[in-house]
């Protein structure tokens, strides 16, 4: 009886350690993906530098929209031989699956990443149309976008299974990448 209890505690401890490891790598992967999305916008803004600040701001917004599209569909992009997952997840060895264990398709990727894309897309749209200061409640929109991203991050950190709103909505989980 005591051996069974100890074996159960050891197995539970291994599962908790695995979930913690995936969470850390998941945060790092999300950071890398956001950095990639931001890089798209910064490169386009740098190319628009000679066109003036007003044009550059709008081009930066369009670049952010391109980054938003990447964030929305990132988990269904089939890279040669890697399977469908974002570059950040690929580099850090984690992969999203639906609850049935299948790879993510385009629709599921859009569903699971809609909240993150909205958090990135709100500033993108405001820059694309000329900046948030000219919009009624523009700063509130930016704070709402930041709040949405923070809520998603907190859920990954505190939820027992590491599931955020997008995971629940799309019926997905992020796990160790299978070979």
Protein backbone atom coordinates (compact mmCIF):
# COMPACT_ATOMS: atom_id res chain seq x y z
CA UNK A 1 0.00 0.00 0.00
CA UNK A 2 2.79 2.44 0.92
CA UNK A 3 4.68 1.61 -2.28
CA UNK A 4 1.57 2.33 -4.38
CA UNK A 5 1.10 5.69 -2.66
CA UNK A 6 4.76 6.61 -3.18
CA UNK A 7 4.58 5.57 -6.85
CA UNK A 8 1.48 7.71 -7.30
CA UNK A 9 3.20 10.73 -5.71
CA UNK A 10 6.27 10.22 -7.92
CA UNK A 11 4.12 10.02 -11.05
CA UNK A 12 2.19 13.15 -10.03
CA UNK A 13 5.47 14.96 -9.36
CA UNK A 14 6.77 14.04 -12.83
CA UNK A 15 3.58 15.29 -14.48
CA UNK A 16 3.75 18.59 -12.54
CA UNK A 17 7.41 19.03 -13.53
CA UNK A 18 6.56 18.32 -17.19
CA UNK A 19 3.70 20.84 -17.14
CA UNK A 20 6.01 23.46 -15.56
CA UNK A 21 8.69 22.83 -18.21
CA UNK A 22 6.15 23.15 -21.02
CA UNK A 23 4.84 26.39 -19.48
CA UNK A 24 8.29 27.96 -19.38
CA UNK A 25 9.01 26.94 -22.96
CA UNK A 26 5.54 28.06 -24.00
CA UNK A 27 6.16 31.55 -22.58
CA UNK A 28 9.53 31.70 -24.33
CA UNK A 29 7.96 30.52 -27.61
CA UNK A 30 5.22 33.17 -27.33
CA UNK A 31 7.90 35.80 -26.75
CA UNK A 32 9.83 34.65 -29.83
CA UNK A 33 6.67 34.63 -31.96
CA UNK A 34 5.71 38.14 -30.79
CA UNK A 35 9.26 39.31 -31.49
CA UNK A 36 9.03 37.87 -35.00
CA UNK A 37 5.67 39.60 -35.56
CA UNK A 38 7.09 42.90 -34.29
CA UNK A 39 10.18 42.51 -36.48
CA UNK A 40 7.96 42.38 -39.57
CA UNK A 41 6.53 45.78 -38.62
CA UNK A 42 9.89 47.31 -37.73
CA UNK A 43 11.51 46.25 -41.00
CA UNK A 44 8.64 47.75 -43.01
CA UNK A 45 8.77 50.95 -40.93
CA UNK A 46 12.52 51.21 -41.52
CA UNK A 47 11.96 50.86 -45.25
CA UNK A 48 9.41 53.70 -45.07
CA UNK A 49 11.77 56.01 -43.17
CA UNK A 50 12.47 58.24 -46.21
CA UNK A 51 8.72 58.79 -46.70
CA UNK A 52 8.19 60.80 -43.51
CA UNK A 53 6.85 60.15 -40.02
CA UNK A 54 3.14 60.07 -40.93
CA UNK A 55 3.64 57.48 -43.65
CA UNK A 56 6.10 55.55 -41.54
CA UNK A 57 3.55 55.25 -38.71
CA UNK A 58 0.94 53.88 -41.08
CA UNK A 59 3.40 51.47 -42.67
CA UNK A 60 4.37 50.33 -39.16
CA UNK A 61 0.66 49.66 -38.52
CA UNK A 62 0.40 47.66 -41.73
CA UNK A 63 3.45 45.67 -40.67
CA UNK A 64 1.81 45.02 -37.31
CA UNK A 65 -1.25 43.75 -39.20
CA UNK A 66 1.05 41.34 -41.06
CA UNK A 67 2.46 40.25 -37.70
CA UNK A 68 -1.08 39.85 -36.40
CA UNK A 69 -1.88 37.53 -39.30
CA UNK A 70 1.19 35.45 -38.41
CA UNK A 71 0.10 35.27 -34.75
CA UNK A 72 -3.43 34.27 -35.74
CA UNK A 73 -2.42 31.42 -38.04
CA UNK A 74 0.99 30.50 -36.59
CA UNK A 75 0.02 27.10 -35.22
CA UNK A 76 -1.23 25.76 -38.56
CA UNK A 77 1.65 26.87 -40.79
CA UNK A 78 3.16 23.65 -42.17
CA UNK A 79 6.92 24.00 -42.21
CA UNK A 80 8.85 21.43 -44.23
CA UNK A 81 9.10 18.32 -42.09
CA UNK A 82 8.32 20.13 -38.82
CA UNK A 83 4.59 19.73 -38.75
CA UNK A 84 2.20 22.57 -38.13
CA UNK A 85 3.34 24.86 -35.31
CA UNK A 86 4.80 28.31 -34.84
CA UNK A 87 8.49 29.01 -35.25
CA UNK A 88 8.82 29.76 -31.53
CA UNK A 89 7.19 26.47 -30.59
CA UNK A 90 9.35 24.64 -33.13
CA UNK A 91 12.54 26.15 -31.74
CA UNK A 92 11.59 25.30 -28.16
CA UNK A 93 10.19 21.80 -28.68
CA UNK A 94 6.51 22.25 -27.88
CA UNK A 95 3.48 21.79 -30.09
CA UNK A 96 -0.24 22.50 -29.84
CA UNK A 97 -2.65 19.62 -30.38
CA UNK A 98 -6.41 19.44 -30.30
CA UNK A 99 -7.85 17.43 -27.43
CA UNK A 100 -8.11 14.40 -29.72
CA UNK A 101 -4.33 14.48 -30.27
CA UNK A 102 -4.44 15.74 -33.87
CA UNK A 103 -2.41 18.58 -35.32
CA UNK A 104 -4.01 22.00 -35.46
CA UNK A 105 -5.73 23.10 -38.68
CA UNK A 106 -6.18 26.68 -39.94
CA UNK A 107 -9.59 27.17 -38.32
CA UNK A 108 -8.46 25.83 -34.96
CA UNK A 109 -5.32 27.98 -35.07
CA UNK A 110 -7.42 31.06 -35.76
CA UNK A 111 -9.75 30.16 -32.88
CA UNK A 112 -7.02 29.44 -30.35
CA UNK A 113 -4.98 32.51 -31.27
CA UNK A 114 -7.85 35.00 -31.72
CA UNK A 115 -7.30 36.56 -28.30
CA UNK A 116 -3.56 37.01 -28.84
CA UNK A 117 -4.12 38.32 -32.37
CA UNK A 118 -6.69 40.78 -30.99
CA UNK A 119 -4.21 41.99 -28.38
CA UNK A 120 -1.63 42.54 -31.14
CA UNK A 121 -4.14 43.66 -33.77
CA UNK A 122 -5.75 46.50 -31.81
CA UNK A 123 -2.51 48.53 -31.76
CA UNK A 124 -1.90 47.50 -35.39
CA UNK A 125 -5.18 48.99 -36.54
CA UNK A 126 -4.67 52.15 -34.51
CA UNK A 127 -1.24 52.73 -36.06
CA UNK A 128 -2.50 51.88 -39.54
CA UNK A 129 -5.20 54.55 -39.35
CA UNK A 130 -2.88 57.22 -37.97
CA UNK A 131 -2.24 56.54 -34.31
CA UNK A 132 -4.22 55.95 -31.15
CA UNK A 133 -4.18 59.57 -29.97
CA UNK A 134 -6.61 60.60 -32.69
CA UNK A 135 -9.13 57.92 -31.75
CA UNK A 136 -11.79 58.40 -29.13
CA UNK A 137 -10.77 56.13 -26.27
CA UNK A 138 -7.57 55.20 -28.14
CA UNK A 139 -5.47 54.80 -25.03
CA UNK A 140 -8.20 52.71 -23.41
CA UNK A 141 -8.12 50.39 -26.44
CA UNK A 142 -4.37 49.96 -26.04
CA UNK A 143 -4.71 49.21 -22.33
CA UNK A 144 -7.50 46.73 -23.08
CA UNK A 145 -5.23 44.97 -25.59
CA UNK A 146 -2.43 44.80 -23.04
CA UNK A 147 -4.87 43.54 -20.40
CA UNK A 148 -6.05 40.76 -22.70
CA UNK A 149 -2.47 39.59 -23.27
CA UNK A 150 -1.78 39.68 -19.52
CA UNK A 151 -4.92 37.66 -18.73
CA UNK A 152 -3.86 35.01 -21.25
CA UNK A 153 -0.36 34.83 -19.74
CA UNK A 154 -1.69 34.60 -16.18
CA UNK A 155 -4.04 31.77 -17.17
CA UNK A 156 -1.15 29.77 -18.63
CA UNK A 157 0.77 30.32 -15.38
CA UNK A 158 -2.01 29.49 -12.90
CA UNK A 159 -4.32 27.05 -14.67
CA UNK A 160 -3.69 23.45 -13.62
CA UNK A 161 -3.36 22.34 -17.26
CA UNK A 162 -1.76 25.58 -18.45
CA UNK A 163 -4.79 26.36 -20.62
CA UNK A 164 -5.53 29.94 -21.66
CA UNK A 165 -8.81 31.31 -23.04
CA UNK A 166 -7.84 30.39 -26.61
CA UNK A 167 -7.00 26.81 -25.61
CA UNK A 168 -10.38 26.40 -23.96
CA UNK A 169 -12.27 27.95 -26.84
CA UNK A 170 -10.52 25.87 -29.52
CA UNK A 171 -10.18 22.68 -27.47
CA UNK A 172 -6.37 22.53 -27.59
CA UNK A 173 -3.39 21.92 -25.33
CA UNK A 174 0.31 22.61 -25.71
CA UNK A 175 2.54 19.64 -24.96
CA UNK A 176 6.00 18.33 -25.62
CA UNK A 177 6.54 17.95 -29.36
CA UNK A 178 6.25 14.36 -30.50
CA UNK A 179 8.84 13.02 -32.86
